[in-house]
Amino acid sequence: MAGTVFSHFGVAFDRLHLIFINTDAAVLSESSLEGVSMKATRVGVLAFALAAAACNNNSTSLTAPTNPPTSSVTFTGTVQVGGVDFNSFVVSQAGDVQVTLTQAGPPSTITVGLGFGTPSAAACPLTIGSTRVGASTTPLDVGTLSPGTYCVQIFDVGNQAGPITYSVTVTHP
């Protein structure tokens, strides 16, 4: 093990230790690592950086991976006083799901209940969560959902004087 030294880009290493190669001397021993001058360290690091840069002459800039394609579906409907309306959608791959209540009213300033769950028979149990919202262009983050069938529900929170119409957009992978 000691004595088995591999060299790569101005840096030598054995199975246990990293050893810099000094341009003025041979391989430094483990016991002399404390005496490695800043010059030798800089030369080793510079040699490594130059060699690494030379390995990729035809490179292009790396970019972050792109998000999986998203689907958007818009549902419209009516909620009666004291009532609910829900729609189902399918998430085909795990990913971030967002919802935007783009229209609700009259009046246009009304807040409604908006919830998410997993459909069961003719209902939408709100197993993921719910909140009170007004119409907006700002999406709400539902979270990361696994592949499956889900539902979005709009419901009266006790402030409706009559039926309201709504438009809600769900964006998912």
N, C-alpha and C. Protein backbone atom coordinates (compact mmCIF):
# COMPACT_ATOMS: atom_id res chain seq x y z
N MET A 1 0.81 -1.16 0.00
CA MET A 1 0.00 0.00 0.00
C MET A 1 0.87 1.24 0.00
N ALA A 2 1.66 1.49 1.06
CA ALA A 2 2.59 2.60 1.00
C ALA A 2 3.59 2.24 -0.07
N GLY A 3 3.98 3.18 -0.89
CA GLY A 3 4.88 2.90 -1.99
C GLY A 3 4.12 2.68 -3.29
N THR A 4 2.84 2.33 -3.22
CA THR A 4 2.03 2.21 -4.42
C THR A 4 1.46 3.58 -4.69
N VAL A 5 2.11 4.30 -5.58
CA VAL A 5 1.73 5.68 -5.83
C VAL A 5 1.24 5.81 -7.26
N PHE A 6 0.11 6.45 -7.42
CA PHE A 6 -0.44 6.73 -8.73
C PHE A 6 -0.35 8.22 -8.94
N SER A 7 -0.07 8.64 -10.16
CA SER A 7 0.05 10.06 -10.43
C SER A 7 -0.98 10.45 -11.46
N HIS A 8 -1.65 11.59 -11.22
CA HIS A 8 -2.66 12.07 -12.15
C HIS A 8 -2.74 13.59 -12.04
N PHE A 9 -2.44 14.29 -13.11
CA PHE A 9 -2.54 15.73 -13.19
C PHE A 9 -1.74 16.46 -12.10
N GLY A 10 -0.55 16.03 -11.84
CA GLY A 10 0.29 16.73 -10.88
C GLY A 10 -0.02 16.42 -9.44
N VAL A 11 -0.88 15.46 -9.20
CA VAL A 11 -1.21 15.05 -7.85
C VAL A 11 -0.97 13.55 -7.77
N ALA A 12 -0.24 13.12 -6.76
CA ALA A 12 -0.01 11.70 -6.57
C ALA A 12 -0.83 11.25 -5.38
N PHE A 13 -1.29 10.01 -5.44
CA PHE A 13 -2.03 9.50 -4.30
C PHE A 13 -1.85 8.00 -4.20
N ASP A 14 -1.84 7.52 -2.96
CA ASP A 14 -1.89 6.08 -2.77
C ASP A 14 -3.27 5.78 -2.22
N ARG A 15 -3.51 4.60 -1.76
CA ARG A 15 -4.85 4.24 -1.32
C ARG A 15 -5.25 4.92 -0.02
N LEU A 16 -4.32 5.51 0.68
CA LEU A 16 -4.64 6.12 1.96
C LEU A 16 -4.41 7.61 2.02
N HIS A 17 -3.52 8.15 1.17
CA HIS A 17 -3.13 9.55 1.33
C HIS A 17 -3.05 10.27 0.00
N LEU A 18 -3.32 11.54 0.04
CA LEU A 18 -3.14 12.41 -1.10
C LEU A 18 -1.79 13.08 -0.95
N ILE A 19 -0.94 13.01 -1.97
CA ILE A 19 0.41 13.56 -1.89
C ILE A 19 0.64 14.44 -3.11
N PHE A 20 1.04 15.67 -2.90
CA PHE A 20 1.33 16.58 -4.00
C PHE A 20 2.73 16.31 -4.53
N ILE A 21 2.91 16.51 -5.84
CA ILE A 21 4.22 16.37 -6.45
C ILE A 21 4.84 17.75 -6.53
N ASN A 22 6.03 17.88 -6.00
CA ASN A 22 6.76 19.14 -6.02
C ASN A 22 7.59 19.17 -7.29
N THR A 23 7.61 20.29 -7.97
CA THR A 23 8.38 20.38 -9.21
C THR A 23 9.88 20.37 -8.94
N ASP A 24 10.31 20.68 -7.71
CA ASP A 24 11.73 20.70 -7.38
C ASP A 24 12.20 19.39 -6.78
N ALA A 25 11.31 18.49 -6.44
CA ALA A 25 11.71 17.26 -5.77
C ALA A 25 10.88 16.11 -6.29
N ALA A 26 11.16 14.94 -5.82
CA ALA A 26 10.41 13.75 -6.19
C ALA A 26 9.13 13.74 -5.35
N VAL A 27 8.49 12.59 -5.24
CA VAL A 27 7.26 12.47 -4.49
C VAL A 27 7.53 12.76 -3.02
N LEU A 28 6.67 13.57 -2.41
CA LEU A 28 6.80 13.89 -1.00
C LEU A 28 6.30 12.71 -0.19
N SER A 29 6.92 12.45 0.90
CA SER A 29 6.47 11.36 1.75
C SER A 29 5.37 11.84 2.66
N GLU A 30 4.67 10.87 3.28
CA GLU A 30 3.58 11.21 4.19
C GLU A 30 4.10 12.03 5.37
N SER A 31 5.26 11.71 5.86
CA SER A 31 5.76 12.41 7.03
C SER A 31 6.21 13.83 6.71
N SER A 32 6.47 14.11 5.45
CA SER A 32 6.91 15.47 5.13
C SER A 32 5.80 16.35 4.61
N LEU A 33 4.57 15.87 4.68
CA LEU A 33 3.45 16.69 4.21
C LEU A 33 3.31 17.97 5.02
N GLU A 34 3.67 17.92 6.30
CA GLU A 34 3.56 19.12 7.10
C GLU A 34 4.52 20.20 6.57
N GLY A 35 5.60 19.80 5.90
CA GLY A 35 6.58 20.75 5.42
C GLY A 35 6.35 21.20 3.99
N VAL A 36 5.24 20.81 3.39
CA VAL A 36 4.97 21.20 2.02
C VAL A 36 4.82 22.71 1.97
N SER A 37 5.59 23.33 1.11
CA SER A 37 5.52 24.78 1.02
C SER A 37 4.27 25.20 0.26
N MET A 38 3.86 26.42 0.45
CA MET A 38 2.72 26.95 -0.27
C MET A 38 2.97 26.92 -1.77
N LYS A 39 4.26 27.10 -2.17
CA LYS A 39 4.60 27.09 -3.58
C LYS A 39 4.32 25.72 -4.18
N ALA A 40 4.72 24.68 -3.51
CA ALA A 40 4.50 23.33 -4.02
C ALA A 40 3.01 23.02 -4.08
N THR A 41 2.27 23.46 -3.09
CA THR A 41 0.83 23.24 -3.08
C THR A 41 0.18 23.98 -4.24
N ARG A 42 0.58 25.24 -4.45
CA ARG A 42 0.01 26.01 -5.55
C ARG A 42 0.36 25.40 -6.90
N VAL A 43 1.59 24.91 -7.05
CA VAL A 43 2.01 24.29 -8.31
C VAL A 43 1.17 23.05 -8.58
N GLY A 44 0.94 22.24 -7.55
CA GLY A 44 0.13 21.03 -7.72
C GLY A 44 -1.30 21.35 -8.08
N VAL A 45 -1.88 22.31 -7.40
CA VAL A 45 -3.26 22.70 -7.69
C VAL A 45 -3.36 23.32 -9.07
N LEU A 46 -2.40 24.16 -9.44
CA LEU A 46 -2.41 24.78 -10.76
C LEU A 46 -2.27 23.71 -11.85
N ALA A 47 -1.38 22.76 -11.66
CA ALA A 47 -1.21 21.68 -12.65
C ALA A 47 -2.50 20.89 -12.81
N PHE A 48 -3.16 20.60 -11.70
CA PHE A 48 -4.41 19.87 -11.75
C PHE A 48 -5.47 20.66 -12.51
N ALA A 49 -5.60 21.95 -12.22
CA ALA A 49 -6.61 22.79 -12.87
C ALA A 49 -6.35 22.90 -14.37
N LEU A 50 -5.09 23.10 -14.76
CA LEU A 50 -4.76 23.21 -16.18
C LEU A 50 -5.02 21.91 -16.92
N ALA A 51 -4.65 20.80 -16.31
CA ALA A 51 -4.87 19.51 -16.95
C ALA A 51 -6.36 19.21 -17.07
N ALA A 52 -7.12 19.54 -16.06
CA ALA A 52 -8.56 19.30 -16.11
C ALA A 52 -9.21 20.17 -17.19
N ALA A 53 -8.79 21.40 -17.31
CA ALA A 53 -9.35 22.29 -18.33
C ALA A 53 -9.00 21.82 -19.73
N ALA A 54 -7.81 21.25 -19.91
CA ALA A 54 -7.37 20.80 -21.23
C ALA A 54 -8.10 19.55 -21.67
N CYS A 55 -8.71 18.82 -20.77
CA CYS A 55 -9.40 17.59 -21.10
C CYS A 55 -10.68 17.82 -21.87
N ASN A 56 -11.20 19.02 -21.88
CA ASN A 56 -12.50 19.26 -22.48
C ASN A 56 -12.42 20.43 -23.45
N ASN A 57 -11.67 20.26 -24.52
CA ASN A 57 -11.47 21.35 -25.48
C ASN A 57 -12.73 21.72 -26.24
N ASN A 58 -13.59 20.76 -26.52
CA ASN A 58 -14.78 21.02 -27.32
C ASN A 58 -16.03 21.11 -26.47
N SER A 59 -15.92 21.62 -25.28
CA SER A 59 -17.05 21.61 -24.38
C SER A 59 -17.98 22.80 -24.63
N THR A 60 -19.21 22.62 -24.20
CA THR A 60 -20.16 23.72 -24.16
C THR A 60 -20.53 23.90 -22.70
N SER A 61 -21.16 24.98 -22.39
CA SER A 61 -21.54 25.24 -21.00
C SER A 61 -22.52 24.20 -20.53
N LEU A 62 -22.34 23.75 -19.29
CA LEU A 62 -23.30 22.84 -18.69
C LEU A 62 -24.46 23.65 -18.16
N THR A 63 -25.64 23.11 -18.29
CA THR A 63 -26.82 23.78 -17.77
C THR A 63 -27.54 22.84 -16.82
N ALA A 64 -28.35 23.41 -15.97
CA ALA A 64 -29.14 22.61 -15.05
C ALA A 64 -30.13 21.78 -15.86
N PRO A 65 -30.46 20.60 -15.36
CA PRO A 65 -31.44 19.78 -16.08
C PRO A 65 -32.77 20.53 -16.19
N THR A 66 -33.44 20.31 -17.28
CA THR A 66 -34.73 20.97 -17.47
C THR A 66 -35.80 20.20 -16.72
N ASN A 67 -36.83 20.90 -16.32
CA ASN A 67 -37.95 20.25 -15.65
C ASN A 67 -38.70 19.40 -16.66
N PRO A 68 -39.34 18.35 -16.18
CA PRO A 68 -40.13 17.55 -17.11
C PRO A 68 -41.25 18.41 -17.70
N PRO A 69 -41.70 18.05 -18.89
CA PRO A 69 -42.77 18.84 -19.51
C PRO A 69 -43.99 18.90 -18.58
N THR A 70 -44.68 20.01 -18.62
CA THR A 70 -45.86 20.15 -17.77
C THR A 70 -47.11 20.20 -18.61
N SER A 71 -48.17 19.76 -17.99
CA SER A 71 -49.49 19.84 -18.60
C SER A 71 -50.33 20.80 -17.78
N SER A 72 -51.15 21.54 -18.45
CA SER A 72 -52.08 22.41 -17.76
C SER A 72 -53.49 22.05 -18.19
N VAL A 73 -54.36 21.98 -17.22
CA VAL A 73 -55.77 21.72 -17.51
C VAL A 73 -56.59 22.76 -16.75
N THR A 74 -57.57 23.32 -17.45
CA THR A 74 -58.42 24.33 -16.84
C THR A 74 -59.83 23.75 -16.67
N PHE A 75 -60.35 23.91 -15.46
CA PHE A 75 -61.71 23.46 -15.16
C PHE A 75 -62.56 24.69 -14.86
N THR A 76 -63.79 24.67 -15.32
CA THR A 76 -64.75 25.72 -15.00
C THR A 76 -65.99 25.05 -14.43
N GLY A 77 -66.71 25.81 -13.63
CA GLY A 77 -67.93 25.24 -13.06
C GLY A 77 -68.66 26.25 -12.21
N THR A 78 -69.66 25.73 -11.51
CA THR A 78 -70.50 26.55 -10.64
C THR A 78 -70.58 25.90 -9.27
N VAL A 79 -70.52 26.74 -8.24
CA VAL A 79 -70.68 26.27 -6.87
C VAL A 79 -71.94 26.93 -6.31
N GLN A 80 -72.89 26.11 -5.88
CA GLN A 80 -74.12 26.59 -5.26
C GLN A 80 -73.84 27.02 -3.82
N VAL A 81 -74.69 27.80 -3.24
CA VAL A 81 -74.56 28.22 -1.84
C VAL A 81 -74.49 26.95 -0.98
N GLY A 82 -73.44 26.86 -0.17
CA GLY A 82 -73.24 25.69 0.69
C GLY A 82 -72.75 24.46 -0.06
N GLY A 83 -72.44 24.61 -1.33
CA GLY A 83 -72.10 23.46 -2.16
C GLY A 83 -70.62 23.31 -2.48
N VAL A 84 -70.34 22.29 -3.28
CA VAL A 84 -68.98 21.98 -3.73
C VAL A 84 -69.03 21.59 -5.20
N ASP A 85 -67.90 21.72 -5.86
CA ASP A 85 -67.73 21.21 -7.22
C ASP A 85 -66.29 20.76 -7.33
N PHE A 86 -66.08 19.57 -7.94
CA PHE A 86 -64.71 19.09 -8.07
C PHE A 86 -64.49 18.47 -9.44
N ASN A 87 -63.22 18.40 -9.79
CA ASN A 87 -62.79 17.81 -11.06
C ASN A 87 -61.55 16.96 -10.81
N SER A 88 -61.44 15.87 -11.56
CA SER A 88 -60.30 14.95 -11.42
C SER A 88 -59.29 15.18 -12.53
N PHE A 89 -58.05 14.86 -12.25
CA PHE A 89 -56.97 14.93 -13.23
C PHE A 89 -55.95 13.85 -12.90
N VAL A 90 -55.12 13.49 -13.88
CA VAL A 90 -54.13 12.42 -13.72
C VAL A 90 -52.72 13.01 -13.79
N VAL A 91 -51.90 12.64 -12.82
CA VAL A 91 -50.48 12.98 -12.81
C VAL A 91 -49.75 11.74 -13.31
N SER A 92 -49.03 11.86 -14.43
CA SER A 92 -48.38 10.68 -15.03
C SER A 92 -46.98 10.42 -14.50
N GLN A 93 -46.33 11.42 -13.93
CA GLN A 93 -45.02 11.22 -13.32
C GLN A 93 -44.88 12.14 -12.12
N ALA A 94 -44.07 11.73 -11.17
CA ALA A 94 -43.90 12.52 -9.94
C ALA A 94 -43.39 13.91 -10.28
N GLY A 95 -43.87 14.89 -9.56
CA GLY A 95 -43.40 16.25 -9.78
C GLY A 95 -44.26 17.27 -9.07
N ASP A 96 -43.85 18.52 -9.22
CA ASP A 96 -44.51 19.64 -8.56
C ASP A 96 -45.85 19.93 -9.23
N VAL A 97 -46.87 20.13 -8.40
CA VAL A 97 -48.21 20.46 -8.90
C VAL A 97 -48.58 21.84 -8.36
N GLN A 98 -49.14 22.67 -9.24
CA GLN A 98 -49.58 24.01 -8.86
C GLN A 98 -51.01 24.22 -9.32
N VAL A 99 -51.70 25.10 -8.62
CA VAL A 99 -53.08 25.41 -8.96
C VAL A 99 -53.25 26.93 -8.92
N THR A 100 -54.06 27.44 -9.86
CA THR A 100 -54.36 28.87 -9.91
C THR A 100 -55.86 29.03 -10.06
N LEU A 101 -56.47 29.71 -9.10
CA LEU A 101 -57.88 30.06 -9.21
C LEU A 101 -57.91 31.38 -9.98
N THR A 102 -58.23 31.30 -11.28
CA THR A 102 -58.13 32.49 -12.13
C THR A 102 -59.38 33.35 -12.12
N GLN A 103 -60.53 32.76 -11.73
CA GLN A 103 -61.77 33.54 -11.71
C GLN A 103 -62.71 32.92 -10.70
N ALA A 104 -63.41 33.76 -9.95
CA ALA A 104 -64.47 33.33 -9.04
C ALA A 104 -65.41 34.52 -8.81
N GLY A 105 -66.68 34.24 -8.81
CA GLY A 105 -67.63 35.32 -8.56
C GLY A 105 -68.97 35.06 -9.20
N PRO A 106 -69.92 35.93 -9.06
CA PRO A 106 -69.82 37.24 -8.42
C PRO A 106 -69.94 37.14 -6.90
N PRO A 107 -69.43 38.11 -6.22
CA PRO A 107 -68.59 39.22 -6.67
C PRO A 107 -67.17 38.74 -6.97
N SER A 108 -66.43 39.51 -7.72
CA SER A 108 -65.07 39.11 -8.13
C SER A 108 -64.09 39.07 -6.96
N THR A 109 -64.48 39.64 -5.83
CA THR A 109 -63.60 39.65 -4.65
C THR A 109 -63.89 38.50 -3.68
N ILE A 110 -64.79 37.61 -4.02
CA ILE A 110 -65.17 36.53 -3.11
C ILE A 110 -64.01 35.56 -2.87
N THR A 111 -63.96 35.04 -1.67
CA THR A 111 -63.01 33.96 -1.38
C THR A 111 -63.80 32.66 -1.32
N VAL A 112 -63.15 31.61 -1.80
CA VAL A 112 -63.77 30.28 -1.82
C VAL A 112 -62.79 29.29 -1.21
N GLY A 113 -63.28 28.12 -0.92
CA GLY A 113 -62.41 27.03 -0.47
C GLY A 113 -61.84 26.33 -1.69
N LEU A 114 -60.58 25.99 -1.61
CA LEU A 114 -59.89 25.28 -2.69
C LEU A 114 -59.13 24.13 -2.03
N GLY A 115 -59.39 22.91 -2.47
CA GLY A 115 -58.74 21.78 -1.85
C GLY A 115 -58.31 20.73 -2.85
N PHE A 116 -57.41 19.85 -2.38
CA PHE A 116 -56.90 18.75 -3.19
C PHE A 116 -57.05 17.44 -2.45
N GLY A 117 -57.30 16.41 -3.21
CA GLY A 117 -57.39 15.09 -2.62
C GLY A 117 -57.32 14.01 -3.67
N THR A 118 -57.75 12.83 -3.25
CA THR A 118 -57.81 11.67 -4.14
C THR A 118 -59.28 11.30 -4.28
N PRO A 119 -59.80 11.27 -5.52
CA PRO A 119 -61.23 11.02 -5.69
C PRO A 119 -61.63 9.64 -5.18
N SER A 120 -62.83 9.60 -4.61
CA SER A 120 -63.40 8.35 -4.09
C SER A 120 -64.87 8.34 -4.45
N ALA A 121 -65.26 7.43 -5.32
CA ALA A 121 -66.64 7.34 -5.82
C ALA A 121 -67.04 8.69 -6.41
N ALA A 122 -68.06 9.33 -5.87
CA ALA A 122 -68.54 10.60 -6.40
C ALA A 122 -68.16 11.76 -5.49
N ALA A 123 -67.02 11.63 -4.80
CA ALA A 123 -66.59 12.68 -3.87
C ALA A 123 -65.10 12.95 -4.04
N CYS A 124 -64.67 14.04 -3.42
CA CYS A 124 -63.25 14.42 -3.46
C CYS A 124 -62.79 14.69 -2.02
N PRO A 125 -62.48 13.62 -1.27
CA PRO A 125 -61.98 13.85 0.10
C PRO A 125 -60.68 14.67 0.04
N LEU A 126 -60.62 15.71 0.82
CA LEU A 126 -59.48 16.63 0.77
C LEU A 126 -58.32 16.08 1.61
N THR A 127 -57.69 15.04 1.10
CA THR A 127 -56.62 14.34 1.83
C THR A 127 -55.28 15.04 1.71
N ILE A 128 -55.12 15.94 0.74
CA ILE A 128 -53.84 16.63 0.55
C ILE A 128 -53.84 17.98 1.24
N GLY A 129 -54.98 18.66 1.25
CA GLY A 129 -55.06 19.94 1.93
C GLY A 129 -56.07 20.86 1.29
N SER A 130 -56.37 21.95 2.03
CA SER A 130 -57.29 22.95 1.51
C SER A 130 -56.96 24.30 2.12
N THR A 131 -57.48 25.34 1.46
CA THR A 131 -57.25 26.71 1.92
C THR A 131 -58.36 27.60 1.40
N ARG A 132 -58.43 28.83 1.90
CA ARG A 132 -59.35 29.85 1.38
C ARG A 132 -58.56 30.74 0.44
N VAL A 133 -59.10 30.99 -0.74
CA VAL A 133 -58.41 31.82 -1.73
C VAL A 133 -59.40 32.68 -2.49
N GLY A 134 -58.87 33.75 -3.04
CA GLY A 134 -59.59 34.57 -3.99
C GLY A 134 -58.95 34.40 -5.35
N ALA A 135 -59.64 34.85 -6.38
CA ALA A 135 -59.09 34.74 -7.72
C ALA A 135 -57.78 35.52 -7.83
N SER A 136 -56.83 34.94 -8.54
CA SER A 136 -55.50 35.54 -8.66
C SER A 136 -54.79 34.95 -9.86
N THR A 137 -53.73 35.60 -10.28
CA THR A 137 -52.88 35.03 -11.34
C THR A 137 -51.68 34.30 -10.74
N THR A 138 -51.55 34.34 -9.42
CA THR A 138 -50.42 33.70 -8.75
C THR A 138 -50.76 32.25 -8.42
N PRO A 139 -49.96 31.30 -8.91
CA PRO A 139 -50.25 29.89 -8.61
C PRO A 139 -49.92 29.54 -7.16
N LEU A 140 -50.64 28.59 -6.62
CA LEU A 140 -50.37 28.03 -5.30
C LEU A 140 -49.68 26.70 -5.49
N ASP A 141 -48.64 26.44 -4.72
CA ASP A 141 -47.91 25.19 -4.82
C ASP A 141 -48.61 24.13 -3.99
N VAL A 142 -49.07 23.07 -4.64
CA VAL A 142 -49.73 21.97 -3.94
C VAL A 142 -48.67 21.06 -3.31
N GLY A 143 -47.52 20.93 -3.98
CA GLY A 143 -46.45 20.07 -3.51
C GLY A 143 -46.07 19.08 -4.58
N THR A 144 -45.19 18.16 -4.21
CA THR A 144 -44.76 17.12 -5.13
C THR A 144 -45.69 15.92 -4.98
N LEU A 145 -46.34 15.54 -6.06
CA LEU A 145 -47.26 14.42 -6.03
C LEU A 145 -46.70 13.27 -6.84
N SER A 146 -46.99 12.06 -6.40
CA SER A 146 -46.63 10.84 -7.11
C SER A 146 -47.62 10.61 -8.24
N PRO A 147 -47.27 9.75 -9.20
CA PRO A 147 -48.24 9.45 -10.26
C PRO A 147 -49.54 8.91 -9.66
N GLY A 148 -50.65 9.35 -10.23
CA GLY A 148 -51.96 8.90 -9.75
C GLY A 148 -53.06 9.84 -10.17
N THR A 149 -54.27 9.53 -9.73
CA THR A 149 -55.44 10.36 -10.02
C THR A 149 -55.74 11.21 -8.80
N TYR A 150 -55.93 12.50 -9.03
CA TYR A 150 -56.19 13.46 -7.96
C TYR A 150 -57.40 14.30 -8.33
N CYS A 151 -57.89 15.07 -7.36
CA CYS A 151 -59.02 15.95 -7.63
C CYS A 151 -58.77 17.32 -7.00
N VAL A 152 -59.33 18.33 -7.64
CA VAL A 152 -59.32 19.70 -7.12
C VAL A 152 -60.77 20.06 -6.86
N GLN A 153 -61.03 20.64 -5.68
CA GLN A 153 -62.39 20.96 -5.28
C GLN A 153 -62.52 22.43 -4.93
N ILE A 154 -63.58 23.05 -5.40
CA ILE A 154 -63.93 24.43 -5.06
C ILE A 154 -65.19 24.33 -4.21
N PHE A 155 -65.23 25.06 -3.07
CA PHE A 155 -66.40 24.95 -2.21
C PHE A 155 -66.71 26.27 -1.52
N ASP A 156 -67.98 26.42 -1.14
CA ASP A 156 -68.47 27.60 -0.42
C ASP A 156 -67.92 27.54 1.01
N VAL A 157 -67.35 28.65 1.47
CA VAL A 157 -66.84 28.73 2.84
C VAL A 157 -67.81 29.48 3.75
N GLY A 158 -69.05 29.68 3.29
CA GLY A 158 -70.07 30.32 4.11
C GLY A 158 -70.29 31.78 3.80
N ASN A 159 -69.70 32.28 2.73
CA ASN A 159 -69.85 33.71 2.41
C ASN A 159 -70.59 33.97 1.10
N GLN A 160 -71.12 32.95 0.47
CA GLN A 160 -71.82 33.14 -0.80
C GLN A 160 -73.27 33.57 -0.58
N ALA A 161 -73.70 34.55 -1.36
CA ALA A 161 -75.10 34.98 -1.33
C ALA A 161 -75.90 34.30 -2.44
N GLY A 162 -75.20 33.73 -3.40
CA GLY A 162 -75.81 33.04 -4.53
C GLY A 162 -74.76 32.17 -5.19
N PRO A 163 -75.14 31.48 -6.25
CA PRO A 163 -74.17 30.62 -6.94
C PRO A 163 -73.01 31.46 -7.50
N ILE A 164 -71.82 30.86 -7.53
CA ILE A 164 -70.66 31.52 -8.14
C ILE A 164 -70.12 30.62 -9.24
N THR A 165 -69.50 31.24 -10.22
CA THR A 165 -68.79 30.48 -11.24
C THR A 165 -67.28 30.64 -10.97
N TYR A 166 -66.52 29.67 -11.44
CA TYR A 166 -65.08 29.69 -11.19
C TYR A 166 -64.33 29.13 -12.40
N SER A 167 -63.07 29.43 -12.42
CA SER A 167 -62.13 28.86 -13.39
C SER A 167 -60.84 28.59 -12.61
N VAL A 168 -60.38 27.34 -12.67
CA VAL A 168 -59.17 26.95 -11.95
C VAL A 168 -58.27 26.17 -12.90
N THR A 169 -56.97 26.49 -12.87
CA THR A 169 -55.99 25.81 -13.73
C THR A 169 -55.03 25.01 -12.87
N VAL A 170 -54.87 23.75 -13.21
CA VAL A 170 -53.93 22.86 -12.51
C VAL A 170 -52.79 22.56 -13.47
N THR A 171 -51.55 22.79 -13.00
CA THR A 171 -50.36 22.50 -13.79
C THR A 171 -49.62 21.37 -13.11
N HIS A 172 -49.29 20.33 -13.89
CA HIS A 172 -48.65 19.13 -13.31
C HIS A 172 -47.74 18.49 -14.36
N PRO A 173 -46.83 17.59 -13.89
CA PRO A 173 -45.96 16.90 -14.87
C PRO A 173 -46.74 15.92 -15.72
